[in-house]
């Protein structure tokens, strides 16, 4: 298993997921770029978002993903997140039908209740992908889709950059980051019983360079990936 420590070029002080996102919450929406995840969701051939009956938003955070789902016709969304401060923001936005404080690998959600399960930009915080894929499969109904948007391992390894934020005092703080190869996703998904239906990769392009001119050296490198899985039955 790869260790992020072998690629780290920043050396930031690192905190756990709950602590990190609890501190990042005030600036999170202004920091995470839509080019990382939303742009990939918009490229997917499926799901047919407007036909989704009930969605589970795993690692829902402040509700970024839920806001996009609502704009694209998803009318019923339940959210799960580990961080109370992030959930408080999501709750104030009233985008979810229900919100639950829980780990994405042990959500407490009902078996087979969702025709869409979605998780965006959370995989790098998990030491092992298999429990996430297994839990998504448990709560998905037969025929359901699981959409996962991941921080691309190539970019983590090439840039040496962890998921991080700037604190109120100006300190750059990393949140525990793990490196998962695309093959790790594939094997975890297949092992949980999913069938891969679609995959897209986002690259550093003109849109990214406009946002982050210093990233010119990363032009044409992949930065994120979206995988769509189907539960048979």
C-alpha atoms as a PDB file:
ATOM      1  CA  UNK A   1       0.000   0.000   0.000  1.00  0.00           C
ATOM      2  CA  UNK A   2       1.366   3.415  -0.961  1.00  0.00           C
ATOM      3  CA  UNK A   3       2.015   6.001   1.733  1.00  0.00           C
ATOM      4  CA  UNK A   4       1.469   9.708   1.137  1.00  0.00           C
ATOM      5  CA  UNK A   5       4.568  10.385   3.248  1.00  0.00           C
ATOM      6  CA  UNK A   6       6.663   9.046   0.352  1.00  0.00           C
ATOM      7  CA  UNK A   7       5.381  11.875  -1.887  1.00  0.00           C
ATOM      8  CA  UNK A   8       4.799  14.758   0.547  1.00  0.00           C
ATOM      9  CA  UNK A   9       6.595  17.938  -0.575  1.00  0.00           C
ATOM     10  CA  UNK A  10       4.793  20.327   1.774  1.00  0.00           C
ATOM     11  CA  UNK A  11       5.464  19.030   5.275  1.00  0.00           C
ATOM     12  CA  UNK A  12       2.391  20.722   6.694  1.00  0.00           C
ATOM     13  CA  UNK A  13       1.182  19.916  10.162  1.00  0.00           C
ATOM     14  CA  UNK A  14      -1.470  17.222   9.723  1.00  0.00           C
ATOM     15  CA  UNK A  15      -4.741  16.803  11.592  1.00  0.00           C
ATOM     16  CA  UNK A  16      -7.459  14.166  11.456  1.00  0.00           C
ATOM     17  CA  UNK A  17     -10.504  14.479   9.209  1.00  0.00           C
ATOM     18  CA  UNK A  18     -13.022  15.660  11.789  1.00  0.00           C
ATOM     19  CA  UNK A  19     -10.644  18.242  13.262  1.00  0.00           C
ATOM     20  CA  UNK A  20      -9.529  19.485   9.860  1.00  0.00           C
ATOM     21  CA  UNK A  21     -12.926  19.954   8.298  1.00  0.00           C
ATOM     22  CA  UNK A  22     -14.249  21.441  11.511  1.00  0.00           C
ATOM     23  CA  UNK A  23     -11.621  24.176  11.186  1.00  0.00           C
ATOM     24  CA  UNK A  24     -11.910  24.530   7.402  1.00  0.00           C
ATOM     25  CA  UNK A  25     -15.687  24.926   7.341  1.00  0.00           C
ATOM     26  CA  UNK A  26     -15.741  28.743   7.242  1.00  0.00           C
ATOM     27  CA  UNK A  27     -13.756  28.940   3.994  1.00  0.00           C
ATOM     28  CA  UNK A  28     -14.430  25.534   2.466  1.00  0.00           C
ATOM     29  CA  UNK A  29     -16.988  26.677  -0.125  1.00  0.00           C
ATOM     30  CA  UNK A  30     -14.631  29.433  -1.294  1.00  0.00           C
ATOM     31  CA  UNK A  31     -11.640  27.083  -1.544  1.00  0.00           C
ATOM     32  CA  UNK A  32     -12.758  23.945  -3.360  1.00  0.00           C
ATOM     33  CA  UNK A  33     -12.983  24.567  -7.091  1.00  0.00           C
ATOM     34  CA  UNK A  34     -15.916  23.233  -9.126  1.00  0.00           C
ATOM     35  CA  UNK A  35     -13.371  22.186 -11.756  1.00  0.00           C
ATOM     36  CA  UNK A  36     -12.272  19.424  -9.387  1.00  0.00           C
ATOM     37  CA  UNK A  37     -15.575  17.586  -9.060  1.00  0.00           C
ATOM     38  CA  UNK A  38     -18.647  19.381 -10.414  1.00  0.00           C
ATOM     39  CA  UNK A  39     -17.103  19.634 -13.878  1.00  0.00           C
ATOM     40  CA  UNK A  40     -16.709  15.852 -13.982  1.00  0.00           C
ATOM     41  CA  UNK A  41     -20.270  15.241 -12.792  1.00  0.00           C
ATOM     42  CA  UNK A  42     -21.484  17.413 -15.659  1.00  0.00           C
ATOM     43  CA  UNK A  43     -19.593  15.251 -18.181  1.00  0.00           C
ATOM     44  CA  UNK A  44     -21.090  11.927 -17.112  1.00  0.00           C
ATOM     45  CA  UNK A  45     -23.444  10.162 -19.495  1.00  0.00           C
ATOM     46  CA  UNK A  46     -25.259   8.687 -16.520  1.00  0.00           C
ATOM     47  CA  UNK A  47     -26.968   8.810 -14.105  1.00  0.00           C
ATOM     48  CA  UNK A  48     -30.041  10.437 -15.541  1.00  0.00           C
ATOM     49  CA  UNK A  49     -30.112  12.846 -12.618  1.00  0.00           C
ATOM     50  CA  UNK A  50     -33.699  13.952 -13.008  1.00  0.00           C
ATOM     51  CA  UNK A  51     -34.911  10.354 -12.761  1.00  0.00           C
ATOM     52  CA  UNK A  52     -33.214   9.701  -9.416  1.00  0.00           C
ATOM     53  CA  UNK A  53     -35.788   8.753  -6.794  1.00  0.00           C
ATOM     54  CA  UNK A  54     -33.654   8.963  -3.658  1.00  0.00           C
ATOM     55  CA  UNK A  55     -29.960   9.772  -3.261  1.00  0.00           C
ATOM     56  CA  UNK A  56     -27.464   9.147  -0.459  1.00  0.00           C
ATOM     57  CA  UNK A  57     -24.795  11.857  -0.283  1.00  0.00           C
ATOM     58  CA  UNK A  58     -21.820  10.330   1.560  1.00  0.00           C
ATOM     59  CA  UNK A  59     -19.347  12.802   3.013  1.00  0.00           C
ATOM     60  CA  UNK A  60     -21.903  15.515   2.236  1.00  0.00           C
ATOM     61  CA  UNK A  61     -19.935  18.303   3.932  1.00  0.00           C
ATOM     62  CA  UNK A  62     -21.508  21.733   3.570  1.00  0.00           C
ATOM     63  CA  UNK A  63     -23.847  20.560   0.821  1.00  0.00           C
ATOM     64  CA  UNK A  64     -21.829  21.435  -2.323  1.00  0.00           C
ATOM     65  CA  UNK A  65     -22.753  18.198  -4.041  1.00  0.00           C
ATOM     66  CA  UNK A  66     -26.344  18.310  -2.843  1.00  0.00           C
ATOM     67  CA  UNK A  67     -26.769  21.820  -4.252  1.00  0.00           C
ATOM     68  CA  UNK A  68     -25.635  20.564  -7.661  1.00  0.00           C
ATOM     69  CA  UNK A  69     -27.893  17.508  -7.431  1.00  0.00           C
ATOM     70  CA  UNK A  70     -30.887  19.709  -6.616  1.00  0.00           C
ATOM     71  CA  UNK A  71     -30.133  21.980  -9.573  1.00  0.00           C
ATOM     72  CA  UNK A  72     -30.066  18.895 -11.780  1.00  0.00           C
ATOM     73  CA  UNK A  73     -33.402  17.516 -10.713  1.00  0.00           C
ATOM     74  CA  UNK A  74     -32.662  15.209  -7.766  1.00  0.00           C
ATOM     75  CA  UNK A  75     -35.548  15.810  -5.385  1.00  0.00           C
ATOM     76  CA  UNK A  76     -34.744  13.593  -2.394  1.00  0.00           C
ATOM     77  CA  UNK A  77     -31.288  13.488  -0.762  1.00  0.00           C
ATOM     78  CA  UNK A  78     -30.071  12.102   2.558  1.00  0.00           C
ATOM     79  CA  UNK A  79     -26.640  13.200   3.755  1.00  0.00           C
ATOM     80  CA  UNK A  80     -23.965  11.660   5.959  1.00  0.00           C
ATOM     81  CA  UNK A  81     -20.841  13.358   7.274  1.00  0.00           C
ATOM     82  CA  UNK A  82     -18.343  12.884  10.077  1.00  0.00           C
ATOM     83  CA  UNK A  83     -17.944  16.561  10.985  1.00  0.00           C
ATOM     84  CA  UNK A  84     -20.597  18.364  13.071  1.00  0.00           C
ATOM     85  CA  UNK A  85     -19.525  21.813  11.860  1.00  0.00           C
ATOM     86  CA  UNK A  86     -19.930  20.838   8.220  1.00  0.00           C
ATOM     87  CA  UNK A  87     -23.305  19.273   8.946  1.00  0.00           C
ATOM     88  CA  UNK A  88     -24.448  22.482  10.650  1.00  0.00           C
ATOM     89  CA  UNK A  89     -23.831  24.411   7.429  1.00  0.00           C
ATOM     90  CA  UNK A  90     -25.541  21.726   5.340  1.00  0.00           C
ATOM     91  CA  UNK A  91     -28.503  21.778   7.713  1.00  0.00           C
ATOM     92  CA  UNK A  92     -28.873  25.546   7.335  1.00  0.00           C
ATOM     93  CA  UNK A  93     -29.069  25.195   3.552  1.00  0.00           C
ATOM     94  CA  UNK A  94     -32.023  22.767   3.739  1.00  0.00           C
ATOM     95  CA  UNK A  95     -30.834  20.755   0.739  1.00  0.00           C
ATOM     96  CA  UNK A  96     -31.112  17.336   2.377  1.00  0.00           C
ATOM     97  CA  UNK A  97     -34.208  15.523   3.580  1.00  0.00           C
ATOM     98  CA  UNK A  98     -32.232  14.009   6.444  1.00  0.00           C
ATOM     99  CA  UNK A  99     -28.705  14.495   7.761  1.00  0.00           C
ATOM    100  CA  UNK A 100     -26.771  12.052   9.897  1.00  0.00           C
ATOM    101  CA  UNK A 101     -23.433  12.374  11.708  1.00  0.00           C
ATOM    102  CA  UNK A 102     -21.652   9.127  10.878  1.00  0.00           C
ATOM    103  CA  UNK A 103     -18.670   7.587   9.150  1.00  0.00           C
ATOM    104  CA  UNK A 104     -19.140   6.950   5.419  1.00  0.00           C
ATOM    105  CA  UNK A 105     -18.132   3.327   5.955  1.00  0.00           C
ATOM    106  CA  UNK A 106     -20.815   2.819   8.634  1.00  0.00           C
ATOM    107  CA  UNK A 107     -23.634   5.197   7.764  1.00  0.00           C
ATOM    108  CA  UNK A 108     -26.521   3.602   9.626  1.00  0.00           C
ATOM    109  CA  UNK A 109     -28.687   4.180   6.543  1.00  0.00           C
ATOM    110  CA  UNK A 110     -31.298   1.638   5.486  1.00  0.00           C
ATOM    111  CA  UNK A 111     -30.385  -1.406   3.401  1.00  0.00           C
ATOM    112  CA  UNK A 112     -31.221  -1.096  -0.300  1.00  0.00           C
ATOM    113  CA  UNK A 113     -32.945   2.266   0.061  1.00  0.00           C
ATOM    114  CA  UNK A 114     -31.248   4.403  -2.601  1.00  0.00           C
ATOM    115  CA  UNK A 115     -31.121   4.381  -6.390  1.00  0.00           C
ATOM    116  CA  UNK A 116     -28.134   6.767  -6.299  1.00  0.00           C
ATOM    117  CA  UNK A 117     -25.215   6.806  -3.897  1.00  0.00           C
ATOM    118  CA  UNK A 118     -22.666   9.572  -4.396  1.00  0.00           C
ATOM    119  CA  UNK A 119     -19.374  10.446  -2.705  1.00  0.00           C
ATOM    120  CA  UNK A 120     -17.195  13.359  -3.800  1.00  0.00           C
ATOM    121  CA  UNK A 121     -13.620  14.142  -2.743  1.00  0.00           C
ATOM    122  CA  UNK A 122     -13.530  11.944   0.337  1.00  0.00           C
ATOM    123  CA  UNK A 123     -11.644   8.846  -0.773  1.00  0.00           C
ATOM    124  CA  UNK A 124      -8.180  10.263  -0.006  1.00  0.00           C
ATOM    125  CA  UNK A 125      -9.104  10.438   3.672  1.00  0.00           C
ATOM    126  CA  UNK A 126      -9.823   6.705   3.922  1.00  0.00           C
ATOM    127  CA  UNK A 127      -6.989   4.268   4.660  1.00  0.00           C
ATOM    128  CA  UNK A 128      -8.879   1.509   2.826  1.00  0.00           C
ATOM    129  CA  UNK A 129     -11.449   1.953   0.039  1.00  0.00           C
ATOM    130  CA  UNK A 130     -13.103  -1.422   0.462  1.00  0.00           C
ATOM    131  CA  UNK A 131     -15.374  -0.498   3.407  1.00  0.00           C
ATOM    132  CA  UNK A 132     -16.709   2.541   1.493  1.00  0.00           C
ATOM    133  CA  UNK A 133     -17.558   0.498  -1.591  1.00  0.00           C
ATOM    134  CA  UNK A 134     -19.135  -2.212   0.571  1.00  0.00           C
ATOM    135  CA  UNK A 135     -21.262   0.276   2.509  1.00  0.00           C
ATOM    136  CA  UNK A 136     -22.419   2.006  -0.678  1.00  0.00           C
ATOM    137  CA  UNK A 137     -23.404  -1.387  -2.077  1.00  0.00           C
ATOM    138  CA  UNK A 138     -25.352  -2.246   1.087  1.00  0.00           C
ATOM    139  CA  UNK A 139     -27.518   0.887   0.981  1.00  0.00           C
ATOM    140  CA  UNK A 140     -28.056   0.786  -2.809  1.00  0.00           C
ATOM    141  CA  UNK A 141     -31.095  -0.900  -4.306  1.00  0.00           C
ATOM    142  CA  UNK A 142     -30.717  -3.355  -7.207  1.00  0.00           C
ATOM    143  CA  UNK A 143     -29.936  -1.414 -10.375  1.00  0.00           C
ATOM    144  CA  UNK A 144     -28.717   1.619  -8.422  1.00  0.00           C
ATOM    145  CA  UNK A 145     -25.649   3.658  -9.346  1.00  0.00           C
ATOM    146  CA  UNK A 146     -22.717   4.662  -7.166  1.00  0.00           C
ATOM    147  CA  UNK A 147     -20.867   7.771  -8.355  1.00  0.00           C
ATOM    148  CA  UNK A 148     -17.519   8.519  -6.745  1.00  0.00           C
ATOM    149  CA  UNK A 149     -15.347  11.533  -7.569  1.00  0.00           C
ATOM    150  CA  UNK A 150     -11.774  11.029  -6.403  1.00  0.00           C
ATOM    151  CA  UNK A 151      -8.637  13.113  -5.979  1.00  0.00           C
ATOM    152  CA  UNK A 152      -6.483  11.557  -8.718  1.00  0.00           C
ATOM    153  CA  UNK A 153      -3.504   9.595  -7.339  1.00  0.00           C
ATOM    154  CA  UNK A 154      -1.275  10.860 -10.135  1.00  0.00           C
ATOM    155  CA  UNK A 155      -1.706  14.458  -9.005  1.00  0.00           C
ATOM    156  CA  UNK A 156      -1.161  13.631  -5.339  1.00  0.00           C
ATOM    157  CA  UNK A 157       2.022  11.762  -6.214  1.00  0.00           C
ATOM    158  CA  UNK A 158       3.319  14.312  -8.744  1.00  0.00           C
ATOM    159  CA  UNK A 159       2.539  17.461  -6.766  1.00  0.00           C
ATOM    160  CA  UNK A 160       3.227  16.038  -3.310  1.00  0.00           C
ATOM    161  CA  UNK A 161       0.218  18.052  -2.196  1.00  0.00           C
ATOM    162  CA  UNK A 162      -2.145  16.786   0.503  1.00  0.00           C
ATOM    163  CA  UNK A 163      -5.688  17.974   0.991  1.00  0.00           C
ATOM    164  CA  UNK A 164      -5.096  21.127   3.019  1.00  0.00           C
ATOM    165  CA  UNK A 165      -6.524  24.479   4.088  1.00  0.00           C
ATOM    166  CA  UNK A 166      -5.341  27.772   5.527  1.00  0.00           C
ATOM    167  CA  UNK A 167      -6.307  28.367   9.139  1.00  0.00           C
ATOM    168  CA  UNK A 168      -7.560  31.645  10.566  1.00  0.00           C
ATOM    169  CA  UNK A 169      -4.007  32.324  11.746  1.00  0.00           C
ATOM    170  CA  UNK A 170      -2.622  31.827   8.229  1.00  0.00           C
ATOM    171  CA  UNK A 171      -1.103  28.390   8.826  1.00  0.00           C
ATOM    172  CA  UNK A 172      -1.343  25.789   6.060  1.00  0.00           C
ATOM    173  CA  UNK A 173      -2.745  22.622   7.644  1.00  0.00           C
ATOM    174  CA  UNK A 174      -3.007  19.224   5.989  1.00  0.00           C
ATOM    175  CA  UNK A 175      -5.833  16.764   6.559  1.00  0.00           C
ATOM    176  CA  UNK A 176      -4.857  13.095   6.709  1.00  0.00           C
ATOM    177  CA  UNK A 177      -4.313  12.043   3.083  1.00  0.00           C
ATOM    178  CA  UNK A 178      -3.934   8.575   1.576  1.00  0.00           C
ATOM    179  CA  UNK A 179      -2.904   7.594  -1.951  1.00  0.00           C
ATOM    180  CA  UNK A 180      -5.274   5.200  -3.745  1.00  0.00           C
ATOM    181  CA  UNK A 181      -4.437   4.078  -7.252  1.00  0.00           C
ATOM    182  CA  UNK A 182      -7.236   3.867  -9.811  1.00  0.00           C
ATOM    183  CA  UNK A 183      -6.734   0.102  -9.666  1.00  0.00           C
ATOM    184  CA  UNK A 184      -7.481   0.248  -5.933  1.00  0.00           C
ATOM    185  CA  UNK A 185     -10.870   1.744  -6.787  1.00  0.00           C
ATOM    186  CA  UNK A 186     -11.503  -0.862  -9.455  1.00  0.00           C
ATOM    187  CA  UNK A 187     -10.634  -3.779  -7.211  1.00  0.00           C
ATOM    188  CA  UNK A 188     -12.606  -2.375  -4.258  1.00  0.00           C
ATOM    189  CA  UNK A 189     -15.634  -1.824  -6.484  1.00  0.00           C
ATOM    190  CA  UNK A 190     -15.510  -5.236  -8.099  1.00  0.00           C
ATOM    191  CA  UNK A 191     -14.901  -6.865  -4.741  1.00  0.00           C
ATOM    192  CA  UNK A 192     -18.029  -5.254  -3.312  1.00  0.00           C
ATOM    193  CA  UNK A 193     -20.142  -6.521  -6.203  1.00  0.00           C
ATOM    194  CA  UNK A 194     -20.327  -3.393  -8.350  1.00  0.00           C
ATOM    195  CA  UNK A 195     -20.031  -3.292 -12.153  1.00  0.00           C
ATOM    196  CA  UNK A 196     -18.113  -0.360 -13.631  1.00  0.00           C
ATOM    197  CA  UNK A 197     -20.345   1.590 -16.015  1.00  0.00           C
ATOM    198  CA  UNK A 198     -18.356   4.746 -16.798  1.00  0.00           C
ATOM    199  CA  UNK A 199     -15.166   6.614 -15.914  1.00  0.00           C
ATOM    200  CA  UNK A 200     -13.930  10.133 -16.602  1.00  0.00           C
ATOM    201  CA  UNK A 201     -10.692  11.886 -15.673  1.00  0.00           C
ATOM    202  CA  UNK A 202     -10.248  15.619 -15.253  1.00  0.00           C
ATOM    203  CA  UNK A 203      -6.995  17.234 -16.339  1.00  0.00           C
ATOM    204  CA  UNK A 204      -5.260  20.515 -15.602  1.00  0.00           C
ATOM    205  CA  UNK A 205      -6.377  22.631 -18.565  1.00  0.00           C
ATOM    206  CA  UNK A 206      -6.843  26.316 -19.415  1.00  0.00           C
ATOM    207  CA  UNK A 207      -9.707  26.541 -16.947  1.00  0.00           C
ATOM    208  CA  UNK A 208      -7.433  25.352 -14.142  1.00  0.00           C
ATOM    209  CA  UNK A 209      -4.514  27.564 -15.178  1.00  0.00           C
ATOM    210  CA  UNK A 210      -6.839  30.568 -15.077  1.00  0.00           C
ATOM    211  CA  UNK A 211      -7.724  29.644 -11.511  1.00  0.00           C
ATOM    212  CA  UNK A 212      -4.184  28.722 -10.454  1.00  0.00           C
ATOM    213  CA  UNK A 213      -1.531  30.232 -12.767  1.00  0.00           C
ATOM    214  CA  UNK A 214       1.298  28.625 -10.762  1.00  0.00           C
ATOM    215  CA  UNK A 215      -0.001  25.224 -11.866  1.00  0.00           C
ATOM    216  CA  UNK A 216       1.197  25.723 -15.445  1.00  0.00           C
ATOM    217  CA  UNK A 217       3.837  23.062 -14.723  1.00  0.00           C
ATOM    218  CA  UNK A 218       1.008  20.577 -14.162  1.00  0.00           C
ATOM    219  CA  UNK A 219      -0.773  21.309 -17.448  1.00  0.00           C
ATOM    220  CA  UNK A 220      -2.324  18.155 -18.970  1.00  0.00           C
ATOM    221  CA  UNK A 221      -1.806  16.142 -15.781  1.00  0.00           C
ATOM    222  CA  UNK A 222      -4.910  14.400 -14.371  1.00  0.00           C
ATOM    223  CA  UNK A 223      -6.190  15.885 -11.106  1.00  0.00           C
ATOM    224  CA  UNK A 224      -9.468  14.087 -10.434  1.00  0.00           C
ATOM    225  CA  UNK A 225     -11.487  11.092 -11.597  1.00  0.00           C
ATOM    226  CA  UNK A 226     -15.143  10.112 -11.611  1.00  0.00           C
ATOM    227  CA  UNK A 227     -16.256   6.486 -11.612  1.00  0.00           C
ATOM    228  CA  UNK A 228     -19.840   5.320 -12.060  1.00  0.00           C
ATOM    229  CA  UNK A 229     -20.748   1.878 -10.732  1.00  0.00           C
ATOM    230  CA  UNK A 230     -23.942  -0.132 -11.152  1.00  0.00           C
ATOM    231  CA  UNK A 231     -25.415  -2.632  -8.700  1.00  0.00           C
ATOM    232  CA  UNK A 232     -26.724  -5.657 -10.527  1.00  0.00           C
ATOM    233  CA  UNK A 233     -30.177  -7.026  -9.939  1.00  0.00           C
END
